[in-house]
Amino acid sequence: MSDLSFTAFVLSLASTAALHFGDMPDPDTGKPAERHLEGASQMIDILAMLEEKTRGNLTAEERQVLEQVLYGLRMRFVEVSNAPRIIQP
């Protein structure tokens, strides 16, 4: 069994959010992933809950990573939500 650090776990959830934003290629096809804002929002909510439930129990580095990831994902959500939708032929 491998050791999964808290930071690696947070980054894994952030990667899943990026996939939902369509920012990463689909791991199965290698093609750009379809945007799924509900899934991205759910990952943000999970990270926010994790931040709340671990408050006071994280190292300074872990707290900083979690705060930065959440901030970046929230800003990306606002950016993507306000962007016009481009439909590919």
N, C-alpha and C. Protein backbone atom coordinates (compact mmCIF):
# COMPACT_ATOMS: atom_id res chain seq x y z
N MET A 1 0.85 -1.17 0.00
CA MET A 1 0.00 0.00 0.00
C MET A 1 0.89 1.23 0.00
N SER A 2 0.60 2.17 -0.88
CA SER A 2 1.42 3.37 -0.96
C SER A 2 0.92 4.42 0.03
N ASP A 3 1.84 5.29 0.42
CA ASP A 3 1.47 6.38 1.31
C ASP A 3 0.87 7.50 0.48
N LEU A 4 -0.33 7.90 0.83
CA LEU A 4 -0.99 9.00 0.16
C LEU A 4 -0.96 10.18 1.11
N SER A 5 -0.26 11.22 0.71
CA SER A 5 -0.18 12.39 1.58
C SER A 5 -1.45 13.22 1.42
N PHE A 6 -1.71 14.06 2.39
CA PHE A 6 -2.86 14.95 2.32
C PHE A 6 -2.76 15.85 1.10
N THR A 7 -1.57 16.37 0.85
CA THR A 7 -1.36 17.25 -0.30
C THR A 7 -1.64 16.52 -1.61
N ALA A 8 -1.18 15.28 -1.72
CA ALA A 8 -1.44 14.50 -2.94
C ALA A 8 -2.94 14.26 -3.10
N PHE A 9 -3.64 14.03 -2.01
CA PHE A 9 -5.09 13.83 -2.05
C PHE A 9 -5.78 15.10 -2.54
N VAL A 10 -5.40 16.25 -2.02
CA VAL A 10 -5.98 17.53 -2.44
C VAL A 10 -5.71 17.76 -3.92
N LEU A 11 -4.49 17.50 -4.36
CA LEU A 11 -4.15 17.71 -5.77
C LEU A 11 -4.89 16.73 -6.68
N SER A 12 -5.16 15.54 -6.19
CA SER A 12 -5.95 14.58 -6.95
C SER A 12 -7.38 15.08 -7.16
N LEU A 13 -7.97 15.62 -6.11
CA LEU A 13 -9.32 16.19 -6.23
C LEU A 13 -9.31 17.40 -7.17
N ALA A 14 -8.25 18.20 -7.10
CA ALA A 14 -8.14 19.36 -7.99
C ALA A 14 -8.00 18.92 -9.44
N SER A 15 -7.29 17.84 -9.68
CA SER A 15 -7.15 17.31 -11.04
C SER A 15 -8.49 16.83 -11.57
N THR A 16 -9.29 16.23 -10.70
CA THR A 16 -10.62 15.80 -11.11
C THR A 16 -11.47 17.00 -11.48
N ALA A 17 -11.36 18.07 -10.71
CA ALA A 17 -12.08 19.30 -11.04
C ALA A 17 -11.62 19.85 -12.38
N ALA A 18 -10.32 19.84 -12.63
CA ALA A 18 -9.79 20.33 -13.91
C ALA A 18 -10.33 19.50 -15.07
N LEU A 19 -10.46 18.22 -14.87
CA LEU A 19 -11.05 17.35 -15.88
C LEU A 19 -12.49 17.77 -16.15
N HIS A 20 -13.25 18.05 -15.10
CA HIS A 20 -14.64 18.50 -15.26
C HIS A 20 -14.73 19.86 -15.94
N PHE A 21 -13.73 20.71 -15.73
CA PHE A 21 -13.70 22.00 -16.41
C PHE A 21 -13.37 21.86 -17.89
N GLY A 22 -12.91 20.69 -18.28
CA GLY A 22 -12.50 20.49 -19.67
C GLY A 22 -11.08 20.98 -19.90
N ASP A 23 -10.32 21.18 -18.84
CA ASP A 23 -8.96 21.71 -18.93
C ASP A 23 -7.92 20.62 -19.18
N MET A 24 -8.32 19.38 -18.99
CA MET A 24 -7.40 18.25 -19.18
C MET A 24 -8.03 17.28 -20.17
N PRO A 25 -7.20 16.55 -20.90
CA PRO A 25 -7.76 15.56 -21.82
C PRO A 25 -8.38 14.39 -21.07
N ASP A 26 -9.37 13.80 -21.68
CA ASP A 26 -10.00 12.61 -21.13
C ASP A 26 -8.93 11.52 -21.04
N PRO A 27 -8.73 10.92 -19.86
CA PRO A 27 -7.66 9.92 -19.72
C PRO A 27 -7.88 8.68 -20.58
N ASP A 28 -9.12 8.39 -20.94
CA ASP A 28 -9.41 7.21 -21.74
C ASP A 28 -9.18 7.44 -23.23
N THR A 29 -9.55 8.64 -23.71
CA THR A 29 -9.48 8.90 -25.15
C THR A 29 -8.32 9.80 -25.55
N GLY A 30 -7.82 10.61 -24.60
CA GLY A 30 -6.76 11.57 -24.92
C GLY A 30 -7.31 12.82 -25.58
N LYS A 31 -8.60 12.85 -25.85
CA LYS A 31 -9.24 14.02 -26.47
C LYS A 31 -9.69 14.98 -25.37
N PRO A 32 -9.89 16.26 -25.73
CA PRO A 32 -10.35 17.20 -24.71
C PRO A 32 -11.64 16.71 -24.04
N ALA A 33 -11.65 16.80 -22.74
CA ALA A 33 -12.82 16.34 -21.98
C ALA A 33 -13.96 17.33 -22.14
N GLU A 34 -15.17 16.81 -22.12
CA GLU A 34 -16.34 17.67 -22.19
C GLU A 34 -16.49 18.40 -20.86
N ARG A 35 -16.92 19.65 -20.92
CA ARG A 35 -17.10 20.45 -19.71
C ARG A 35 -18.30 19.94 -18.93
N HIS A 36 -18.12 19.81 -17.62
CA HIS A 36 -19.17 19.32 -16.73
C HIS A 36 -19.10 20.15 -15.45
N LEU A 37 -19.76 21.33 -15.48
CA LEU A 37 -19.64 22.26 -14.36
C LEU A 37 -20.22 21.72 -13.06
N GLU A 38 -21.23 20.88 -13.13
CA GLU A 38 -21.78 20.31 -11.91
C GLU A 38 -20.74 19.45 -11.20
N GLY A 39 -19.98 18.68 -11.97
CA GLY A 39 -18.93 17.86 -11.39
C GLY A 39 -17.81 18.71 -10.80
N ALA A 40 -17.46 19.79 -11.50
CA ALA A 40 -16.42 20.70 -10.98
C ALA A 40 -16.89 21.34 -9.68
N SER A 41 -18.14 21.76 -9.65
CA SER A 41 -18.70 22.37 -8.45
C SER A 41 -18.69 21.39 -7.29
N GLN A 42 -18.99 20.13 -7.56
CA GLN A 42 -18.99 19.12 -6.52
C GLN A 42 -17.58 18.93 -5.95
N MET A 43 -16.56 18.94 -6.81
CA MET A 43 -15.18 18.80 -6.32
C MET A 43 -14.80 20.00 -5.44
N ILE A 44 -15.24 21.19 -5.83
CA ILE A 44 -14.97 22.39 -5.03
C ILE A 44 -15.65 22.27 -3.68
N ASP A 45 -16.89 21.80 -3.69
CA ASP A 45 -17.63 21.62 -2.43
C ASP A 45 -16.94 20.59 -1.53
N ILE A 46 -16.45 19.52 -2.12
CA ILE A 46 -15.74 18.49 -1.34
C ILE A 46 -14.47 19.07 -0.70
N LEU A 47 -13.73 19.84 -1.49
CA LEU A 47 -12.51 20.46 -0.96
C LEU A 47 -12.84 21.48 0.13
N ALA A 48 -13.93 22.23 -0.04
CA ALA A 48 -14.34 23.20 0.99
C ALA A 48 -14.73 22.48 2.27
N MET A 49 -15.43 21.36 2.15
CA MET A 49 -15.81 20.58 3.32
C MET A 49 -14.56 20.03 4.00
N LEU A 50 -13.61 19.56 3.20
CA LEU A 50 -12.35 19.05 3.73
C LEU A 50 -11.61 20.15 4.49
N GLU A 51 -11.62 21.36 3.94
CA GLU A 51 -10.98 22.49 4.61
C GLU A 51 -11.65 22.76 5.97
N GLU A 52 -12.97 22.74 5.98
CA GLU A 52 -13.71 23.00 7.22
C GLU A 52 -13.46 21.91 8.26
N LYS A 53 -13.49 20.65 7.83
CA LYS A 53 -13.38 19.53 8.76
C LYS A 53 -11.96 19.31 9.28
N THR A 54 -10.97 19.82 8.56
CA THR A 54 -9.58 19.63 8.99
C THR A 54 -8.99 20.89 9.62
N ARG A 55 -9.79 21.94 9.73
CA ARG A 55 -9.30 23.21 10.29
C ARG A 55 -8.65 22.97 11.65
N GLY A 56 -7.43 23.46 11.79
CA GLY A 56 -6.69 23.31 13.04
C GLY A 56 -5.88 22.03 13.12
N ASN A 57 -6.01 21.15 12.13
CA ASN A 57 -5.31 19.87 12.16
C ASN A 57 -4.31 19.69 11.03
N LEU A 58 -4.08 20.73 10.26
CA LEU A 58 -3.17 20.63 9.11
C LEU A 58 -1.86 21.34 9.41
N THR A 59 -0.82 20.91 8.74
CA THR A 59 0.44 21.66 8.81
C THR A 59 0.24 22.95 8.02
N ALA A 60 1.14 23.89 8.21
CA ALA A 60 1.06 25.16 7.48
C ALA A 60 1.10 24.91 5.97
N GLU A 61 1.95 23.98 5.55
CA GLU A 61 2.06 23.67 4.12
C GLU A 61 0.77 23.06 3.58
N GLU A 62 0.19 22.13 4.31
CA GLU A 62 -1.05 21.49 3.87
C GLU A 62 -2.18 22.52 3.77
N ARG A 63 -2.27 23.38 4.78
CA ARG A 63 -3.31 24.42 4.79
C ARG A 63 -3.14 25.35 3.60
N GLN A 64 -1.89 25.74 3.33
CA GLN A 64 -1.62 26.66 2.23
C GLN A 64 -1.98 26.03 0.88
N VAL A 65 -1.62 24.78 0.69
CA VAL A 65 -1.95 24.09 -0.56
C VAL A 65 -3.47 24.03 -0.74
N LEU A 66 -4.17 23.65 0.32
CA LEU A 66 -5.63 23.53 0.24
C LEU A 66 -6.26 24.89 -0.07
N GLU A 67 -5.80 25.94 0.61
CA GLU A 67 -6.35 27.28 0.37
C GLU A 67 -6.08 27.74 -1.06
N GLN A 68 -4.86 27.51 -1.56
CA GLN A 68 -4.51 27.94 -2.91
C GLN A 68 -5.30 27.17 -3.97
N VAL A 69 -5.45 25.86 -3.76
CA VAL A 69 -6.20 25.04 -4.70
C VAL A 69 -7.65 25.49 -4.74
N LEU A 70 -8.25 25.70 -3.57
CA LEU A 70 -9.64 26.13 -3.51
C LEU A 70 -9.83 27.49 -4.18
N TYR A 71 -8.93 28.42 -3.90
CA TYR A 71 -9.03 29.74 -4.51
C TYR A 71 -8.94 29.63 -6.04
N GLY A 72 -7.97 28.89 -6.53
CA GLY A 72 -7.80 28.73 -7.97
C GLY A 72 -8.99 28.08 -8.63
N LEU A 73 -9.54 27.05 -8.00
CA LEU A 73 -10.71 26.36 -8.57
C LEU A 73 -11.95 27.26 -8.55
N ARG A 74 -12.11 28.02 -7.49
CA ARG A 74 -13.26 28.93 -7.42
C ARG A 74 -13.16 30.00 -8.50
N MET A 75 -11.97 30.54 -8.70
CA MET A 75 -11.78 31.56 -9.75
C MET A 75 -12.01 30.94 -11.13
N ARG A 76 -11.55 29.74 -11.33
CA ARG A 76 -11.75 29.05 -12.62
C ARG A 76 -13.24 28.79 -12.84
N PHE A 77 -13.97 28.43 -11.79
CA PHE A 77 -15.40 28.19 -11.92
C PHE A 77 -16.12 29.47 -12.37
N VAL A 78 -15.78 30.58 -11.75
CA VAL A 78 -16.39 31.87 -12.14
C VAL A 78 -16.05 32.18 -13.60
N GLU A 79 -14.79 31.99 -13.97
CA GLU A 79 -14.35 32.26 -15.34
C GLU A 79 -15.11 31.40 -16.34
N VAL A 80 -15.20 30.12 -16.08
CA VAL A 80 -15.85 29.20 -17.00
C VAL A 80 -17.36 29.44 -17.03
N SER A 81 -17.94 29.73 -15.88
CA SER A 81 -19.39 29.96 -15.80
C SER A 81 -19.81 31.20 -16.59
N ASN A 82 -18.94 32.20 -16.65
CA ASN A 82 -19.26 33.44 -17.35
C ASN A 82 -18.85 33.44 -18.82
N ALA A 83 -18.12 32.42 -19.24
CA ALA A 83 -17.64 32.36 -20.63
C ALA A 83 -18.78 31.91 -21.55
N PRO A 84 -18.83 32.50 -22.75
CA PRO A 84 -19.84 32.01 -23.69
C PRO A 84 -19.52 30.57 -24.09
N ARG A 85 -20.54 29.82 -24.30
CA ARG A 85 -20.37 28.42 -24.67
C ARG A 85 -20.12 28.31 -26.17
N ILE A 86 -19.04 27.65 -26.53
CA ILE A 86 -18.71 27.46 -27.94
C ILE A 86 -19.10 26.03 -28.31
N ILE A 87 -19.95 25.94 -29.30
CA ILE A 87 -20.38 24.62 -29.75
C ILE A 87 -19.56 24.23 -30.98
N GLN A 88 -18.88 23.10 -30.86
CA GLN A 88 -18.04 22.62 -31.96
C GLN A 88 -18.91 21.87 -32.98
N PRO A 89 -18.66 22.09 -34.27
CA PRO A 89 -19.45 21.37 -35.29
C PRO A 89 -19.12 19.89 -35.33
